Amino acid sequence: MTDQPPDRILRLNTVLDRTGLSRATLYRKIQDGTFPRQVRIAARCAGWRESAVNEWMRNPMFYQVDDVRSWP
């Protein structure tokens, strides 16, 4: 068993600070499948897994989400 720290959930302002993206750019990248999707943590609350944001930051140019959903 490995002793990895638990994956934290980051809120929007923290993700924007870490990535340097604007809110509009962040949501456009999510829609295009080039940024990790949010995780629902309550009825009206969502966040991002820290590990997913860190993975995106390692190589943002070539990041792709496998299950891109089309928006209506």
PDB file of N, CA and C in Angstrom:
ATOM      1  N   MET A   1       0.839  -1.168   0.000  1.00  0.00           N
ATOM      2  CA  MET A   1       0.000   0.000   0.000  1.00  0.00           C
ATOM      3  C   MET A   1       0.888   1.237   0.000  1.00  0.00           C
ATOM      4  N   THR A   2       0.541   2.205  -0.882  1.00  0.00           N
ATOM      5  CA  THR A   2       1.339   3.416  -0.949  1.00  0.00           C
ATOM      6  C   THR A   2       0.760   4.471  -0.016  1.00  0.00           C
ATOM      7  N   ASP A   3       1.612   5.354   0.411  1.00  0.00           N
ATOM      8  CA  ASP A   3       1.192   6.411   1.325  1.00  0.00           C
ATOM      9  C   ASP A   3       0.998   7.720   0.560  1.00  0.00           C
ATOM     10  N   GLN A   4       0.064   7.721  -0.379  1.00  0.00           N
ATOM     11  CA  GLN A   4      -0.225   8.926  -1.139  1.00  0.00           C
ATOM     12  C   GLN A   4      -1.225   9.784  -0.373  1.00  0.00           C
ATOM     13  N   PRO A   5      -1.026  11.091  -0.408  1.00  0.00           N
ATOM     14  CA  PRO A   5      -2.000  11.956   0.260  1.00  0.00           C
ATOM     15  C   PRO A   5      -3.334  11.909  -0.494  1.00  0.00           C
ATOM     16  N   PRO A   6      -4.431  12.138   0.198  1.00  0.00           N
ATOM     17  CA  PRO A   6      -5.726  12.109  -0.475  1.00  0.00           C
ATOM     18  C   PRO A   6      -5.829  13.236  -1.503  1.00  0.00           C
ATOM     19  N   ASP A   7      -6.572  12.980  -2.559  1.00  0.00           N
ATOM     20  CA  ASP A   7      -6.768  13.963  -3.615  1.00  0.00           C
ATOM     21  C   ASP A   7      -7.690  15.065  -3.110  1.00  0.00           C
ATOM     22  N   ARG A   8      -7.238  16.297  -3.123  1.00  0.00           N
ATOM     23  CA  ARG A   8      -8.049  17.428  -2.656  1.00  0.00           C
ATOM     24  C   ARG A   8      -8.962  17.914  -3.766  1.00  0.00           C
ATOM     25  N   ILE A   9     -10.046  18.555  -3.372  1.00  0.00           N
ATOM     26  CA  ILE A   9     -10.954  19.194  -4.311  1.00  0.00           C
ATOM     27  C   ILE A   9     -10.664  20.691  -4.281  1.00  0.00           C
ATOM     28  N   LEU A  10     -10.395  21.254  -5.452  1.00  0.00           N
ATOM     29  CA  LEU A  10     -10.091  22.678  -5.556  1.00  0.00           C
ATOM     30  C   LEU A  10     -11.321  23.427  -6.060  1.00  0.00           C
ATOM     31  N   ARG A  11     -11.585  24.578  -5.484  1.00  0.00           N
ATOM     32  CA  ARG A  11     -12.705  25.411  -5.912  1.00  0.00           C
ATOM     33  C   ARG A  11     -12.258  26.316  -7.062  1.00  0.00           C
ATOM     34  N   LEU A  12     -13.208  26.958  -7.688  1.00  0.00           N
ATOM     35  CA  LEU A  12     -12.967  27.742  -8.900  1.00  0.00           C
ATOM     36  C   LEU A  12     -11.856  28.775  -8.742  1.00  0.00           C
ATOM     37  N   ASN A  13     -11.903  29.596  -7.710  1.00  0.00           N
ATOM     38  CA  ASN A  13     -10.889  30.648  -7.562  1.00  0.00           C
ATOM     39  C   ASN A  13      -9.483  30.086  -7.411  1.00  0.00           C
ATOM     40  N   THR A  14      -9.355  28.966  -6.746  1.00  0.00           N
ATOM     41  CA  THR A  14      -8.046  28.330  -6.599  1.00  0.00           C
ATOM     42  C   THR A  14      -7.542  27.820  -7.939  1.00  0.00           C
ATOM     43  N   VAL A  15      -8.430  27.215  -8.724  1.00  0.00           N
ATOM     44  CA  VAL A  15      -8.055  26.711 -10.055  1.00  0.00           C
ATOM     45  C   VAL A  15      -7.643  27.878 -10.951  1.00  0.00           C
ATOM     46  N   LEU A  16      -8.384  28.965 -10.917  1.00  0.00           N
ATOM     47  CA  LEU A  16      -8.040  30.132 -11.727  1.00  0.00           C
ATOM     48  C   LEU A  16      -6.690  30.708 -11.319  1.00  0.00           C
ATOM     49  N   ASP A  17      -6.416  30.771 -10.014  1.00  0.00           N
ATOM     50  CA  ASP A  17      -5.125  31.272  -9.531  1.00  0.00           C
ATOM     51  C   ASP A  17      -3.975  30.379  -9.972  1.00  0.00           C
ATOM     52  N   ARG A  18      -4.161  29.071  -9.855  1.00  0.00           N
ATOM     53  CA  ARG A  18      -3.084  28.133 -10.197  1.00  0.00           C
ATOM     54  C   ARG A  18      -2.798  28.092 -11.688  1.00  0.00           C
ATOM     55  N   THR A  19      -3.843  28.169 -12.508  1.00  0.00           N
ATOM     56  CA  THR A  19      -3.664  28.017 -13.956  1.00  0.00           C
ATOM     57  C   THR A  19      -3.395  29.325 -14.671  1.00  0.00           C
ATOM     58  N   GLY A  20      -3.857  30.435 -14.095  1.00  0.00           N
ATOM     59  CA  GLY A  20      -3.710  31.722 -14.769  1.00  0.00           C
ATOM     60  C   GLY A  20      -4.741  31.944 -15.860  1.00  0.00           C
ATOM     61  N   LEU A  21      -5.731  31.066 -15.946  1.00  0.00           N
ATOM     62  CA  LEU A  21      -6.776  31.194 -16.957  1.00  0.00           C
ATOM     63  C   LEU A  21      -7.882  32.119 -16.455  1.00  0.00           C
ATOM     64  N   SER A  22      -8.602  32.719 -17.390  1.00  0.00           N
ATOM     65  CA  SER A  22      -9.799  33.465 -17.007  1.00  0.00           C
ATOM     66  C   SER A  22     -10.944  32.467 -16.851  1.00  0.00           C
ATOM     67  N   ARG A  23     -12.012  32.893 -16.224  1.00  0.00           N
ATOM     68  CA  ARG A  23     -13.177  32.026 -16.023  1.00  0.00           C
ATOM     69  C   ARG A  23     -13.745  31.578 -17.370  1.00  0.00           C
ATOM     70  N   ALA A  24     -13.877  32.510 -18.312  1.00  0.00           N
ATOM     71  CA  ALA A  24     -14.434  32.175 -19.628  1.00  0.00           C
ATOM     72  C   ALA A  24     -13.550  31.173 -20.369  1.00  0.00           C
ATOM     73  N   THR A  25     -12.237  31.377 -20.318  1.00  0.00           N
ATOM     74  CA  THR A  25     -11.316  30.455 -20.985  1.00  0.00           C
ATOM     75  C   THR A  25     -11.367  29.077 -20.338  1.00  0.00           C
ATOM     76  N   LEU A  26     -11.438  29.025 -19.024  1.00  0.00           N
ATOM     77  CA  LEU A  26     -11.508  27.751 -18.317  1.00  0.00           C
ATOM     78  C   LEU A  26     -12.725  26.951 -18.773  1.00  0.00           C
ATOM     79  N   TYR A  27     -13.897  27.588 -18.775  1.00  0.00           N
ATOM     80  CA  TYR A  27     -15.108  26.871 -19.161  1.00  0.00           C
ATOM     81  C   TYR A  27     -15.119  26.522 -20.649  1.00  0.00           C
ATOM     82  N   ARG A  28     -14.510  27.354 -21.485  1.00  0.00           N
ATOM     83  CA  ARG A  28     -14.390  27.013 -22.910  1.00  0.00           C
ATOM     84  C   ARG A  28     -13.500  25.783 -23.093  1.00  0.00           C
ATOM     85  N   LYS A  29     -12.409  25.714 -22.343  1.00  0.00           N
ATOM     86  CA  LYS A  29     -11.520  24.548 -22.427  1.00  0.00           C
ATOM     87  C   LYS A  29     -12.230  23.281 -21.927  1.00  0.00           C
ATOM     88  N   ILE A  30     -13.051  23.406 -20.893  1.00  0.00           N
ATOM     89  CA  ILE A  30     -13.807  22.243 -20.415  1.00  0.00           C
ATOM     90  C   ILE A  30     -14.744  21.765 -21.521  1.00  0.00           C
ATOM     91  N   GLN A  31     -15.423  22.699 -22.170  1.00  0.00           N
ATOM     92  CA  GLN A  31     -16.357  22.345 -23.243  1.00  0.00           C
ATOM     93  C   GLN A  31     -15.628  21.696 -24.417  1.00  0.00           C
ATOM     94  N   ASP A  32     -14.421  22.167 -24.713  1.00  0.00           N
ATOM     95  CA  ASP A  32     -13.643  21.607 -25.816  1.00  0.00           C
ATOM     96  C   ASP A  32     -12.951  20.299 -25.464  1.00  0.00           C
ATOM     97  N   GLY A  33     -12.934  19.959 -24.178  1.00  0.00           N
ATOM     98  CA  GLY A  33     -12.276  18.730 -23.746  1.00  0.00           C
ATOM     99  C   GLY A  33     -10.794  18.888 -23.529  1.00  0.00           C
ATOM    100  N   THR A  34     -10.327  20.126 -23.334  1.00  0.00           N
ATOM    101  CA  THR A  34      -8.902  20.355 -23.122  1.00  0.00           C
ATOM    102  C   THR A  34      -8.585  20.797 -21.694  1.00  0.00           C
ATOM    103  N   PHE A  35      -9.536  20.610 -20.794  1.00  0.00           N
ATOM    104  CA  PHE A  35      -9.320  20.853 -19.367  1.00  0.00           C
ATOM    105  C   PHE A  35     -10.206  19.872 -18.608  1.00  0.00           C
ATOM    106  N   PRO A  36      -9.756  19.390 -17.440  1.00  0.00           N
ATOM    107  CA  PRO A  36     -10.555  18.413 -16.679  1.00  0.00           C
ATOM    108  C   PRO A  36     -11.928  18.960 -16.289  1.00  0.00           C
ATOM    109  N   ARG A  37     -12.906  18.066 -16.265  1.00  0.00           N
ATOM    110  CA  ARG A  37     -14.263  18.445 -15.858  1.00  0.00           C
ATOM    111  C   ARG A  37     -14.357  18.569 -14.340  1.00  0.00           C
ATOM    112  N   GLN A  38     -15.350  19.326 -13.902  1.00  0.00           N
ATOM    113  CA  GLN A  38     -15.598  19.480 -12.479  1.00  0.00           C
ATOM    114  C   GLN A  38     -16.165  18.189 -11.897  1.00  0.00           C
ATOM    115  N   VAL A  39     -16.033  18.079 -10.598  1.00  0.00           N
ATOM    116  CA  VAL A  39     -16.609  16.988  -9.830  1.00  0.00           C
ATOM    117  C   VAL A  39     -17.714  17.581  -8.970  1.00  0.00           C
ATOM    118  N   ARG A  40     -18.894  17.013  -9.028  1.00  0.00           N
ATOM    119  CA  ARG A  40     -20.018  17.511  -8.220  1.00  0.00           C
ATOM    120  C   ARG A  40     -19.784  17.084  -6.783  1.00  0.00           C
ATOM    121  N   ILE A  41     -19.781  18.059  -5.852  1.00  0.00           N
ATOM    122  CA  ILE A  41     -19.560  17.726  -4.446  1.00  0.00           C
ATOM    123  C   ILE A  41     -20.775  18.025  -3.579  1.00  0.00           C
ATOM    124  N   ALA A  42     -21.766  18.697  -4.151  1.00  0.00           N
ATOM    125  CA  ALA A  42     -23.044  18.960  -3.484  1.00  0.00           C
ATOM    126  C   ALA A  42     -24.039  19.376  -4.563  1.00  0.00           C
ATOM    127  N   ALA A  43     -25.271  19.617  -4.166  1.00  0.00           N
ATOM    128  CA  ALA A  43     -26.303  19.953  -5.142  1.00  0.00           C
ATOM    129  C   ALA A  43     -25.935  21.191  -5.961  1.00  0.00           C
ATOM    130  N   ARG A  44     -25.355  22.190  -5.322  1.00  0.00           N
ATOM    131  CA  ARG A  44     -25.013  23.425  -6.021  1.00  0.00           C
ATOM    132  C   ARG A  44     -23.539  23.775  -5.851  1.00  0.00           C
ATOM    133  N   CYS A  45     -22.693  22.774  -5.789  1.00  0.00           N
ATOM    134  CA  CYS A  45     -21.277  22.995  -5.516  1.00  0.00           C
ATOM    135  C   CYS A  45     -20.436  21.996  -6.318  1.00  0.00           C
ATOM    136  N   ALA A  46     -19.414  22.509  -6.966  1.00  0.00           N
ATOM    137  CA  ALA A  46     -18.527  21.641  -7.741  1.00  0.00           C
ATOM    138  C   ALA A  46     -17.091  22.107  -7.551  1.00  0.00           C
ATOM    139  N   GLY A  47     -16.169  21.239  -7.877  1.00  0.00           N
ATOM    140  CA  GLY A  47     -14.753  21.563  -7.780  1.00  0.00           C
ATOM    141  C   GLY A  47     -13.965  20.673  -8.712  1.00  0.00           C
ATOM    142  N   TRP A  48     -12.667  20.806  -8.702  1.00  0.00           N
ATOM    143  CA  TRP A  48     -11.792  20.018  -9.552  1.00  0.00           C
ATOM    144  C   TRP A  48     -10.853  19.201  -8.687  1.00  0.00           C
ATOM    145  N   ARG A  49     -10.557  18.000  -9.124  1.00  0.00           N
ATOM    146  CA  ARG A  49      -9.566  17.178  -8.432  1.00  0.00           C
ATOM    147  C   ARG A  49      -8.193  17.818  -8.626  1.00  0.00           C
ATOM    148  N   GLU A  50      -7.464  17.953  -7.536  1.00  0.00           N
ATOM    149  CA  GLU A  50      -6.142  18.565  -7.600  1.00  0.00           C
ATOM    150  C   GLU A  50      -5.222  17.781  -8.531  1.00  0.00           C
ATOM    151  N   SER A  51      -5.311  16.475  -8.508  1.00  0.00           N
ATOM    152  CA  SER A  51      -4.456  15.653  -9.368  1.00  0.00           C
ATOM    153  C   SER A  51      -4.742  15.909 -10.848  1.00  0.00           C
ATOM    154  N   ALA A  52      -6.009  16.135 -11.207  1.00  0.00           N
ATOM    155  CA  ALA A  52      -6.365  16.402 -12.606  1.00  0.00           C
ATOM    156  C   ALA A  52      -5.831  17.768 -13.048  1.00  0.00           C
ATOM    157  N   VAL A  53      -5.926  18.758 -12.166  1.00  0.00           N
ATOM    158  CA  VAL A  53      -5.401  20.089 -12.491  1.00  0.00           C
ATOM    159  C   VAL A  53      -3.882  20.027 -12.620  1.00  0.00           C
ATOM    160  N   ASN A  54      -3.225  19.300 -11.728  1.00  0.00           N
ATOM    161  CA  ASN A  54      -1.766  19.155 -11.805  1.00  0.00           C
ATOM    162  C   ASN A  54      -1.352  18.450 -13.083  1.00  0.00           C
ATOM    163  N   GLU A  55      -2.105  17.439 -13.497  1.00  0.00           N
ATOM    164  CA  GLU A  55      -1.805  16.737 -14.750  1.00  0.00           C
ATOM    165  C   GLU A  55      -1.934  17.690 -15.933  1.00  0.00           C
ATOM    166  N   TRP A  56      -2.976  18.510 -15.935  1.00  0.00           N
ATOM    167  CA  TRP A  56      -3.156  19.488 -17.008  1.00  0.00           C
ATOM    168  C   TRP A  56      -1.982  20.471 -17.017  1.00  0.00           C
ATOM    169  N   MET A  57      -1.542  20.904 -15.842  1.00  0.00           N
ATOM    170  CA  MET A  57      -0.464  21.888 -15.764  1.00  0.00           C
ATOM    171  C   MET A  57       0.882  21.334 -16.242  1.00  0.00           C
ATOM    172  N   ARG A  58       1.061  20.019 -16.156  1.00  0.00           N
ATOM    173  CA  ARG A  58       2.314  19.418 -16.640  1.00  0.00           C
ATOM    174  C   ARG A  58       2.464  19.582 -18.147  1.00  0.00           C
ATOM    175  N   ASN A  59       1.330  19.521 -18.889  1.00  0.00           N
ATOM    176  CA  ASN A  59       1.394  19.612 -20.346  1.00  0.00           C
ATOM    177  C   ASN A  59       0.064  20.137 -20.892  1.00  0.00           C
ATOM    178  N   PRO A  60      -0.227  21.424 -20.714  1.00  0.00           N
ATOM    179  CA  PRO A  60      -1.535  21.949 -21.112  1.00  0.00           C
ATOM    180  C   PRO A  60      -1.791  21.921 -22.615  1.00  0.00           C
ATOM    181  N   MET A  61      -0.762  21.988 -23.430  1.00  0.00           N
ATOM    182  CA  MET A  61      -0.957  22.011 -24.886  1.00  0.00           C
ATOM    183  C   MET A  61      -1.533  20.708 -25.425  1.00  0.00           C
ATOM    184  N   PHE A  62      -1.208  19.588 -24.796  1.00  0.00           N
ATOM    185  CA  PHE A  62      -1.614  18.296 -25.336  1.00  0.00           C
ATOM    186  C   PHE A  62      -2.602  17.548 -24.460  1.00  0.00           C
ATOM    187  N   TYR A  63      -3.182  18.227 -23.469  1.00  0.00           N
ATOM    188  CA  TYR A  63      -4.146  17.580 -22.578  1.00  0.00           C
ATOM    189  C   TYR A  63      -5.455  17.355 -23.325  1.00  0.00           C
ATOM    190  N   GLN A  64      -6.022  16.157 -23.196  1.00  0.00           N
ATOM    191  CA  GLN A  64      -7.317  15.823 -23.792  1.00  0.00           C
ATOM    192  C   GLN A  64      -8.126  14.995 -22.816  1.00  0.00           C
ATOM    193  N   VAL A  65      -9.405  15.317 -22.698  1.00  0.00           N
ATOM    194  CA  VAL A  65     -10.338  14.514 -21.911  1.00  0.00           C
ATOM    195  C   VAL A  65     -10.927  13.493 -22.862  1.00  0.00           C
ATOM    196  N   ASP A  66     -10.975  12.232 -22.438  1.00  0.00           N
ATOM    197  CA  ASP A  66     -11.447  11.165 -23.318  1.00  0.00           C
ATOM    198  C   ASP A  66     -12.939  11.210 -23.579  1.00  0.00           C
ATOM    199  N   ASP A  67     -13.729  11.616 -22.600  1.00  0.00           N
ATOM    200  CA  ASP A  67     -15.195  11.559 -22.748  1.00  0.00           C
ATOM    201  C   ASP A  67     -15.800  12.947 -22.895  1.00  0.00           C
ATOM    202  N   VAL A  68     -15.502  13.611 -23.996  1.00  0.00           N
ATOM    203  CA  VAL A  68     -16.020  14.950 -24.253  1.00  0.00           C
ATOM    204  C   VAL A  68     -17.497  14.821 -24.599  1.00  0.00           C
ATOM    205  N   ARG A  69     -18.322  15.525 -23.831  1.00  0.00           N
ATOM    206  CA  ARG A  69     -19.766  15.513 -24.092  1.00  0.00           C
ATOM    207  C   ARG A  69     -20.112  16.743 -24.909  1.00  0.00           C
ATOM    208  N   SER A  70     -20.949  16.581 -25.893  1.00  0.00           N
ATOM    209  CA  SER A  70     -21.357  17.737 -26.681  1.00  0.00           C
ATOM    210  C   SER A  70     -22.456  18.488 -25.943  1.00  0.00           C
ATOM    211  N   TRP A  71     -22.409  19.782 -26.043  1.00  0.00           N
ATOM    212  CA  TRP A  71     -23.393  20.628 -25.375  1.00  0.00           C
ATOM    213  C   TRP A  71     -24.564  20.847 -26.336  1.00  0.00           C
ATOM    214  N   PRO A  72     -25.772  20.863 -25.829  1.00  0.00           N
ATOM    215  CA  PRO A  72     -26.942  21.061 -26.702  1.00  0.00           C
ATOM    216  C   PRO A  72     -26.964  22.420 -27.358  1.00  0.00           C
TER     217      PRO A  72
END
